[in-house]
Amino acid sequence: MPGSPLRDLAAQASGSAPAATVVDRVTAAVRTDILSGTLAPGTPLREESASARYGVSRHTVRAAFQRLVNERLAVAEPYRGVRVTSFDRAHVIALQQLRAALEVEAVRIARERYGEEWPDVALEAAREALDALDRLDAEGAPAAGDAADADADHVSETVDWLEVERIHADFHRALVAASQSPRIIESHAALGSELLLFLLHVRPHYTLASLIAEHRALLDEIPLRGPDALREHLEHSTRLLVGS
């Protein structure tokens, strides 16, 4: 859907839409390009070209870029301007350490409360996220008559991976929510787009089916093993990206 969030930007910029709404839409358009991989890590974000593309002022573009910097999807560097965040080894490790501090502690708190038998309500949102991934997997699967001719790359292309990443993030947010710890939940929610960026980079290491299977196994293990299960899960995904 290239350019789909952008069609009405020029009209809104010159019409009755509030300026903040135009900034929101430019931010959303560039965010989507980053999180879909259209804009690769390290890509410069140019105010002039973005202003022309979206039909808005450079001031509006500058405000949108600043939001992306605040979300850690972009970095602003003196004399180099704004660039898409480079997801290097140090960035991966730092983010995963922060995630572990929040997610593992959230699961520890929940397990302390529930023991090894968590009530359905505590796991319901995580199960719903996995069910949503199952539906996406079914929608992307080839029809029975086409199965013999389909290959993994073709099937992968039919999956809306940006939606997969959003639901994947919802799964992890659901685990954190089970802690009922407002400050941990708030801090984890603040990772927002940065977590989606991590999931974009881990995407090549999974098929949708393997992603679902791994997270269903995790959900089964968490009541029994608690924080250890989640810690091992996060360490595994870190190794996939840093190669150690």
C-alpha atoms as a PDB file:
ATOM      1  CA  MET A   1       0.000   0.000   0.000  1.00  0.00           C
ATOM      2  CA  PRO A   2       2.761   2.493  -0.946  1.00  0.00           C
ATOM      3  CA  GLY A   3       1.766   6.075  -0.273  1.00  0.00           C
ATOM      4  CA  SER A   4      -1.752   5.206   0.948  1.00  0.00           C
ATOM      5  CA  PRO A   5      -1.535   7.281   4.176  1.00  0.00           C
ATOM      6  CA  LEU A   6      -0.411  10.304   2.154  1.00  0.00           C
ATOM      7  CA  ARG A   7      -3.068  11.043  -0.437  1.00  0.00           C
ATOM      8  CA  ASP A   8      -4.977  13.623   1.595  1.00  0.00           C
ATOM      9  CA  LEU A   9      -2.020  15.308   3.295  1.00  0.00           C
ATOM     10  CA  ALA A  10      -1.772  18.270   0.955  1.00  0.00           C
ATOM     11  CA  ALA A  11      -5.495  18.943   1.192  1.00  0.00           C
ATOM     12  CA  GLN A  12      -5.420  18.706   4.956  1.00  0.00           C
ATOM     13  CA  ALA A  13      -2.398  20.960   5.176  1.00  0.00           C
ATOM     14  CA  SER A  14      -4.184  23.709   3.243  1.00  0.00           C
ATOM     15  CA  GLY A  15      -7.707  22.966   4.496  1.00  0.00           C
ATOM     16  CA  SER A  16      -9.476  22.680   7.800  1.00  0.00           C
ATOM     17  CA  ALA A  17      -7.466  19.837   9.395  1.00  0.00           C
ATOM     18  CA  PRO A  18      -5.548  20.939  12.509  1.00  0.00           C
ATOM     19  CA  ALA A  19      -1.772  21.185  12.039  1.00  0.00           C
ATOM     20  CA  ALA A  20      -1.259  18.485  14.659  1.00  0.00           C
ATOM     21  CA  THR A  21      -3.322  16.071  12.567  1.00  0.00           C
ATOM     22  CA  VAL A  22      -1.071  16.660   9.556  1.00  0.00           C
ATOM     23  CA  VAL A  23       1.995  16.020  11.707  1.00  0.00           C
ATOM     24  CA  ASP A  24       0.341  12.853  12.984  1.00  0.00           C
ATOM     25  CA  ARG A  25      -0.234  11.617   9.452  1.00  0.00           C
ATOM     26  CA  VAL A  26       3.261  12.403   8.211  1.00  0.00           C
ATOM     27  CA  THR A  27       4.677  10.698  11.301  1.00  0.00           C
ATOM     28  CA  ALA A  28       2.486   7.642  10.674  1.00  0.00           C
ATOM     29  CA  ALA A  29       3.511   7.460   7.017  1.00  0.00           C
ATOM     30  CA  VAL A  30       7.249   7.598   7.743  1.00  0.00           C
ATOM     31  CA  ARG A  31       6.848   5.254  10.712  1.00  0.00           C
ATOM     32  CA  THR A  32       5.170   2.699   8.456  1.00  0.00           C
ATOM     33  CA  ASP A  33       8.017   2.976   5.937  1.00  0.00           C
ATOM     34  CA  ILE A  34      10.542   2.343   8.721  1.00  0.00           C
ATOM     35  CA  LEU A  35       8.671  -0.528  10.345  1.00  0.00           C
ATOM     36  CA  SER A  36       7.951  -2.239   7.028  1.00  0.00           C
ATOM     37  CA  GLY A  37      11.624  -2.080   6.065  1.00  0.00           C
ATOM     38  CA  THR A  38      10.983   0.285   3.130  1.00  0.00           C
ATOM     39  CA  LEU A  39      13.392   2.700   4.797  1.00  0.00           C
ATOM     40  CA  ALA A  40      16.463   0.706   5.789  1.00  0.00           C
ATOM     41  CA  PRO A  41      18.509   1.342   8.941  1.00  0.00           C
ATOM     42  CA  GLY A  42      20.785   4.339   8.497  1.00  0.00           C
ATOM     43  CA  THR A  43      18.708   5.884   5.692  1.00  0.00           C
ATOM     44  CA  PRO A  44      18.816   9.713   5.850  1.00  0.00           C
ATOM     45  CA  LEU A  45      15.451  11.408   6.343  1.00  0.00           C
ATOM     46  CA  ARG A  46      15.510  14.573   4.239  1.00  0.00           C
ATOM     47  CA  GLU A  47      13.188  17.416   5.153  1.00  0.00           C
ATOM     48  CA  GLU A  48      13.080  18.879   1.647  1.00  0.00           C
ATOM     49  CA  SER A  49      12.230  15.642  -0.152  1.00  0.00           C
ATOM     50  CA  ALA A  50       9.703  14.647   2.522  1.00  0.00           C
ATOM     51  CA  SER A  51       8.054  18.062   2.287  1.00  0.00           C
ATOM     52  CA  ALA A  52       7.673  17.654  -1.479  1.00  0.00           C
ATOM     53  CA  ARG A  53       6.467  14.049  -1.232  1.00  0.00           C
ATOM     54  CA  TYR A  54       3.785  14.729   1.351  1.00  0.00           C
ATOM     55  CA  GLY A  55       2.849  18.220   0.176  1.00  0.00           C
ATOM     56  CA  VAL A  56       3.410  19.809   3.577  1.00  0.00           C
ATOM     57  CA  SER A  57       5.746  22.411   5.019  1.00  0.00           C
ATOM     58  CA  ARG A  58       9.261  21.610   6.167  1.00  0.00           C
ATOM     59  CA  HIS A  59       8.174  22.728   9.637  1.00  0.00           C
ATOM     60  CA  THR A  60       5.551  19.959   9.631  1.00  0.00           C
ATOM     61  CA  VAL A  61       8.114  17.416   8.430  1.00  0.00           C
ATOM     62  CA  ARG A  62      10.601  18.546  11.074  1.00  0.00           C
ATOM     63  CA  ALA A  63       7.969  18.032  13.793  1.00  0.00           C
ATOM     64  CA  ALA A  64       7.181  14.554  12.430  1.00  0.00           C
ATOM     65  CA  PHE A  65      10.853  13.605  12.356  1.00  0.00           C
ATOM     66  CA  GLN A  66      11.246  14.770  15.953  1.00  0.00           C
ATOM     67  CA  ARG A  67       8.435  12.441  17.005  1.00  0.00           C
ATOM     68  CA  LEU A  68      10.227   9.546  15.332  1.00  0.00           C
ATOM     69  CA  VAL A  69      13.411  10.500  17.165  1.00  0.00           C
ATOM     70  CA  ASN A  70      11.455  10.500  20.429  1.00  0.00           C
ATOM     71  CA  GLU A  71      10.186   6.994  19.551  1.00  0.00           C
ATOM     72  CA  ARG A  72      13.795   5.913  18.863  1.00  0.00           C
ATOM     73  CA  LEU A  73      12.909   4.990  15.292  1.00  0.00           C
ATOM     74  CA  ALA A  74      15.264   7.717  14.103  1.00  0.00           C
ATOM     75  CA  VAL A  75      18.324   9.513  15.429  1.00  0.00           C
ATOM     76  CA  ALA A  76      19.297  13.160  15.011  1.00  0.00           C
ATOM     77  CA  GLU A  77      23.021  13.797  14.755  1.00  0.00           C
ATOM     78  CA  PRO A  78      24.850  17.136  14.565  1.00  0.00           C
ATOM     79  CA  TYR A  79      25.940  17.932  10.990  1.00  0.00           C
ATOM     80  CA  ARG A  80      24.393  14.667   9.717  1.00  0.00           C
ATOM     81  CA  GLY A  81      20.701  15.375  10.141  1.00  0.00           C
ATOM     82  CA  VAL A  82      18.104  12.715  10.912  1.00  0.00           C
ATOM     83  CA  ARG A  83      18.547   9.057   9.991  1.00  0.00           C
ATOM     84  CA  VAL A  84      16.617   5.854  10.519  1.00  0.00           C
ATOM     85  CA  THR A  85      17.948   4.115  13.611  1.00  0.00           C
ATOM     86  CA  SER A  86      20.751   1.651  12.900  1.00  0.00           C
ATOM     87  CA  PHE A  87      19.842  -1.529  14.739  1.00  0.00           C
ATOM     88  CA  ASP A  88      23.373  -2.623  15.575  1.00  0.00           C
ATOM     89  CA  ARG A  89      24.618  -5.087  18.185  1.00  0.00           C
ATOM     90  CA  ALA A  90      24.808  -2.502  20.979  1.00  0.00           C
ATOM     91  CA  HIS A  91      21.273  -1.278  20.247  1.00  0.00           C
ATOM     92  CA  VAL A  92      19.858  -4.815  20.218  1.00  0.00           C
ATOM     93  CA  ILE A  93      21.524  -5.767  23.492  1.00  0.00           C
ATOM     94  CA  ALA A  94      20.486  -2.556  25.264  1.00  0.00           C
ATOM     95  CA  LEU A  95      16.860  -2.892  24.167  1.00  0.00           C
ATOM     96  CA  GLN A  96      16.684  -6.560  25.131  1.00  0.00           C
ATOM     97  CA  GLN A  97      18.187  -5.832  28.531  1.00  0.00           C
ATOM     98  CA  LEU A  98      15.496  -3.222  29.122  1.00  0.00           C
ATOM     99  CA  ARG A  99      12.764  -5.563  27.876  1.00  0.00           C
ATOM    100  CA  ALA A 100      14.016  -8.306  30.171  1.00  0.00           C
ATOM    101  CA  ALA A 101      14.067  -5.955  33.144  1.00  0.00           C
ATOM    102  CA  LEU A 102      10.401  -5.162  32.542  1.00  0.00           C
ATOM    103  CA  GLU A 103       8.922  -8.343  31.052  1.00  0.00           C
ATOM    104  CA  VAL A 104      10.746 -10.869  33.222  1.00  0.00           C
ATOM    105  CA  GLU A 105       9.935  -8.907  36.365  1.00  0.00           C
ATOM    106  CA  ALA A 106       6.289  -8.625  35.278  1.00  0.00           C
ATOM    107  CA  VAL A 107       6.056 -12.403  34.886  1.00  0.00           C
ATOM    108  CA  ARG A 108       7.793 -12.908  38.241  1.00  0.00           C
ATOM    109  CA  ILE A 109       5.174 -10.706  39.915  1.00  0.00           C
ATOM    110  CA  ALA A 110       2.319 -12.508  38.174  1.00  0.00           C
ATOM    111  CA  ARG A 111       3.655 -15.941  39.081  1.00  0.00           C
ATOM    112  CA  GLU A 112       4.120 -14.857  42.680  1.00  0.00           C
ATOM    113  CA  ARG A 113       0.435 -13.954  42.684  1.00  0.00           C
ATOM    114  CA  TYR A 114      -0.946 -16.956  40.774  1.00  0.00           C
ATOM    115  CA  GLY A 115       1.539 -19.764  41.363  1.00  0.00           C
ATOM    116  CA  GLU A 116       1.617 -22.477  38.690  1.00  0.00           C
ATOM    117  CA  GLU A 117      -2.080 -22.252  37.824  1.00  0.00           C
ATOM    118  CA  TRP A 118      -2.842 -18.886  36.290  1.00  0.00           C
ATOM    119  CA  PRO A 119      -6.518 -17.974  35.882  1.00  0.00           C
ATOM    120  CA  ASP A 120      -7.832 -17.746  32.339  1.00  0.00           C
ATOM    121  CA  VAL A 121      -8.281 -13.997  32.666  1.00  0.00           C
ATOM    122  CA  ALA A 122      -4.528 -13.546  33.203  1.00  0.00           C
ATOM    123  CA  LEU A 123      -3.682 -15.337  29.953  1.00  0.00           C
ATOM    124  CA  GLU A 124      -6.710 -14.387  27.869  1.00  0.00           C
ATOM    125  CA  ALA A 125      -5.163 -11.406  26.042  1.00  0.00           C
ATOM    126  CA  ALA A 126      -2.006 -13.352  25.169  1.00  0.00           C
ATOM    127  CA  ARG A 127      -4.096 -16.249  23.838  1.00  0.00           C
ATOM    128  CA  GLU A 128      -6.180 -13.837  21.790  1.00  0.00           C
ATOM    129  CA  ALA A 129      -3.007 -12.458  20.223  1.00  0.00           C
ATOM    130  CA  LEU A 130      -1.888 -15.954  19.236  1.00  0.00           C
ATOM    131  CA  ASP A 131      -5.351 -16.715  17.847  1.00  0.00           C
ATOM    132  CA  ALA A 132      -5.083 -13.559  15.733  1.00  0.00           C
ATOM    133  CA  LEU A 133      -1.727 -14.775  14.402  1.00  0.00           C
ATOM    134  CA  ASP A 134      -3.328 -18.126  13.587  1.00  0.00           C
ATOM    135  CA  ARG A 135      -5.945 -16.310  11.509  1.00  0.00           C
ATOM    136  CA  LEU A 136      -3.286 -14.385   9.618  1.00  0.00           C
ATOM    137  CA  ASP A 137      -1.427 -17.630   8.991  1.00  0.00           C
ATOM    138  CA  ALA A 138      -4.583 -19.243   7.628  1.00  0.00           C
ATOM    139  CA  GLU A 139      -5.299 -16.253   5.399  1.00  0.00           C
ATOM    140  CA  GLY A 140      -1.769 -16.374   3.982  1.00  0.00           C
ATOM    141  CA  ALA A 141      -1.751 -20.128   3.383  1.00  0.00           C
ATOM    142  CA  PRO A 142      -2.152 -21.316  -0.232  1.00  0.00           C
ATOM    143  CA  ALA A 143      -5.394 -22.971  -1.274  1.00  0.00           C
ATOM    144  CA  ALA A 144      -5.339 -26.781  -1.224  1.00  0.00           C
ATOM    145  CA  GLY A 145      -5.033 -27.000  -5.008  1.00  0.00           C
ATOM    146  CA  ASP A 146      -2.097 -24.575  -5.022  1.00  0.00           C
ATOM    147  CA  ALA A 147      -0.182 -26.049  -2.089  1.00  0.00           C
ATOM    148  CA  ALA A 148       2.098 -28.200  -4.252  1.00  0.00           C
ATOM    149  CA  ASP A 149       3.207 -25.187  -6.278  1.00  0.00           C
ATOM    150  CA  ALA A 150       3.649 -22.788  -3.373  1.00  0.00           C
ATOM    151  CA  ASP A 151       7.080 -22.202  -1.884  1.00  0.00           C
ATOM    152  CA  ALA A 152       8.024 -20.610   1.435  1.00  0.00           C
ATOM    153  CA  ASP A 153       9.002 -17.285  -0.136  1.00  0.00           C
ATOM    154  CA  HIS A 154       5.663 -16.960  -1.917  1.00  0.00           C
ATOM    155  CA  VAL A 155       3.692 -17.770   1.222  1.00  0.00           C
ATOM    156  CA  SER A 156       5.790 -15.266   3.192  1.00  0.00           C
ATOM    157  CA  GLU A 157       4.947 -12.539   0.678  1.00  0.00           C
ATOM    158  CA  THR A 158       1.218 -13.051   1.256  1.00  0.00           C
ATOM    159  CA  VAL A 159       1.502 -12.425   4.995  1.00  0.00           C
ATOM    160  CA  ASP A 160       1.033  -8.894   6.350  1.00  0.00           C
ATOM    161  CA  TRP A 161       4.197  -8.906   8.423  1.00  0.00           C
ATOM    162  CA  LEU A 162       3.682  -5.445   9.821  1.00  0.00           C
ATOM    163  CA  GLU A 163       0.392  -6.661  11.291  1.00  0.00           C
ATOM    164  CA  VAL A 164       2.170  -9.796  12.552  1.00  0.00           C
ATOM    165  CA  GLU A 165       4.715  -7.603  14.337  1.00  0.00           C
ATOM    166  CA  ARG A 166       1.968  -5.510  15.930  1.00  0.00           C
ATOM    167  CA  ILE A 167       0.160  -8.599  17.211  1.00  0.00           C
ATOM    168  CA  HIS A 168       3.468 -10.119  18.352  1.00  0.00           C
ATOM    169  CA  ALA A 169       4.064  -6.960  20.388  1.00  0.00           C
ATOM    170  CA  ASP A 170       0.514  -7.250  21.772  1.00  0.00           C
ATOM    171  CA  PHE A 171       1.375 -10.749  23.012  1.00  0.00           C
ATOM    172  CA  HIS A 172       4.325  -9.455  25.016  1.00  0.00           C
ATOM    173  CA  ARG A 173       2.299  -6.509  26.316  1.00  0.00           C
ATOM    174  CA  ALA A 174      -0.326  -8.997  27.503  1.00  0.00           C
ATOM    175  CA  LEU A 175       2.271 -10.866  29.543  1.00  0.00           C
ATOM    176  CA  VAL A 176       3.347  -7.612  31.149  1.00  0.00           C
ATOM    177  CA  ALA A 177      -0.266  -6.662  31.853  1.00  0.00           C
ATOM    178  CA  ALA A 178      -0.708  -9.892  33.829  1.00  0.00           C
ATOM    179  CA  SER A 179       1.537  -8.356  36.498  1.00  0.00           C
ATOM    180  CA  GLN A 180      -1.090  -5.682  37.236  1.00  0.00           C
ATOM    181  CA  SER A 181       1.848  -3.374  37.975  1.00  0.00           C
ATOM    182  CA  PRO A 182       0.918   0.069  36.600  1.00  0.00           C
ATOM    183  CA  ARG A 183       4.472   1.426  36.477  1.00  0.00           C
ATOM    184  CA  ILE A 184       5.907  -1.633  34.733  1.00  0.00           C
ATOM    185  CA  ILE A 185       3.012  -1.648  32.255  1.00  0.00           C
ATOM    186  CA  GLU A 186       3.506   2.065  31.566  1.00  0.00           C
ATOM    187  CA  SER A 187       7.275   1.721  31.110  1.00  0.00           C
ATOM    188  CA  HIS A 188       6.891  -1.257  28.781  1.00  0.00           C
ATOM    189  CA  ALA A 189       4.250   0.555  26.704  1.00  0.00           C
ATOM    190  CA  ALA A 190       6.734   3.386  26.217  1.00  0.00           C
ATOM    191  CA  LEU A 191       8.938   1.005  24.199  1.00  0.00           C
ATOM    192  CA  GLY A 192       6.169   1.096  21.601  1.00  0.00           C
ATOM    193  CA  SER A 193       7.629   1.613  18.148  1.00  0.00           C
ATOM    194  CA  GLU A 194      11.126   0.584  19.208  1.00  0.00           C
ATOM    195  CA  LEU A 195       9.821  -2.883  20.053  1.00  0.00           C
ATOM    196  CA  LEU A 196       8.207  -3.084  16.607  1.00  0.00           C
ATOM    197  CA  LEU A 197      11.558  -2.131  15.068  1.00  0.00           C
ATOM    198  CA  PHE A 198      13.189  -5.007  16.929  1.00  0.00           C
ATOM    199  CA  LEU A 199      10.522  -7.386  15.646  1.00  0.00           C
ATOM    200  CA  LEU A 200      11.150  -6.175  12.086  1.00  0.00           C
ATOM    201  CA  HIS A 201      14.784  -7.202  12.378  1.00  0.00           C
ATOM    202  CA  VAL A 202      14.053 -10.592  13.932  1.00  0.00           C
ATOM    203  CA  ARG A 203      11.453 -11.349  11.224  1.00  0.00           C
ATOM    204  CA  PRO A 204      13.843 -13.096   8.764  1.00  0.00           C
ATOM    205  CA  HIS A 205      14.587 -15.762  11.364  1.00  0.00           C
ATOM    206  CA  TYR A 206      10.991 -17.000  11.509  1.00  0.00           C
ATOM    207  CA  THR A 207       8.126 -18.258   9.455  1.00  0.00           C
ATOM    208  CA  LEU A 208       4.764 -17.225  10.822  1.00  0.00           C
ATOM    209  CA  ALA A 209       4.048 -20.832  11.777  1.00  0.00           C
ATOM    210  CA  SER A 210       7.312 -21.159  13.725  1.00  0.00           C
ATOM    211  CA  LEU A 211       6.707 -17.814  15.442  1.00  0.00           C
ATOM    212  CA  ILE A 212       3.269 -18.974  16.592  1.00  0.00           C
ATOM    213  CA  ALA A 213       4.567 -22.354  17.753  1.00  0.00           C
ATOM    214  CA  GLU A 214       7.371 -20.778  19.778  1.00  0.00           C
ATOM    215  CA  HIS A 215       5.023 -18.373  21.527  1.00  0.00           C
ATOM    216  CA  ARG A 216       2.387 -21.024  22.260  1.00  0.00           C
ATOM    217  CA  ALA A 217       5.122 -23.097  23.886  1.00  0.00           C
ATOM    218  CA  LEU A 218       6.227 -20.044  25.865  1.00  0.00           C
ATOM    219  CA  LEU A 219       2.684 -19.409  27.068  1.00  0.00           C
ATOM    220  CA  ASP A 220       2.457 -23.022  28.263  1.00  0.00           C
ATOM    221  CA  GLU A 221       5.776 -22.750  30.109  1.00  0.00           C
ATOM    222  CA  ILE A 222       5.280 -19.420  31.836  1.00  0.00           C
ATOM    223  CA  PRO A 223       2.901 -20.620  34.584  1.00  0.00           C
ATOM    224  CA  LEU A 224       5.244 -23.549  35.299  1.00  0.00           C
ATOM    225  CA  ARG A 225       8.642 -21.905  34.987  1.00  0.00           C
ATOM    226  CA  GLY A 226       7.781 -18.244  35.334  1.00  0.00           C
ATOM    227  CA  PRO A 227      10.502 -15.676  34.654  1.00  0.00           C
ATOM    228  CA  ASP A 228      13.060 -18.299  33.609  1.00  0.00           C
ATOM    229  CA  ALA A 229      10.957 -19.251  30.581  1.00  0.00           C
ATOM    230  CA  LEU A 230      10.605 -15.657  29.432  1.00  0.00           C
ATOM    231  CA  ARG A 231      14.261 -14.842  30.091  1.00  0.00           C
ATOM    232  CA  GLU A 232      15.339 -17.759  27.899  1.00  0.00           C
ATOM    233  CA  HIS A 233      12.911 -16.645  25.189  1.00  0.00           C
ATOM    234  CA  LEU A 234      14.358 -13.123  25.112  1.00  0.00           C
ATOM    235  CA  GLU A 235      17.935 -14.401  25.191  1.00  0.00           C
ATOM    236  CA  HIS A 236      17.166 -16.620  22.202  1.00  0.00           C
ATOM    237  CA  SER A 237      15.864 -13.720  20.124  1.00  0.00           C
ATOM    238  CA  THR A 238      18.879 -11.640  21.095  1.00  0.00           C
ATOM    239  CA  ARG A 239      21.219 -14.372  19.886  1.00  0.00           C
ATOM    240  CA  LEU A 240      19.377 -14.524  16.571  1.00  0.00           C
ATOM    241  CA  LEU A 241      20.335 -10.914  15.884  1.00  0.00           C
ATOM    242  CA  VAL A 242      23.788 -10.592  17.423  1.00  0.00           C
ATOM    243  CA  GLY A 243      24.990 -14.065  16.477  1.00  0.00           C
ATOM    244  CA  SER A 244      26.375 -15.177  19.816  1.00  0.00           C
END
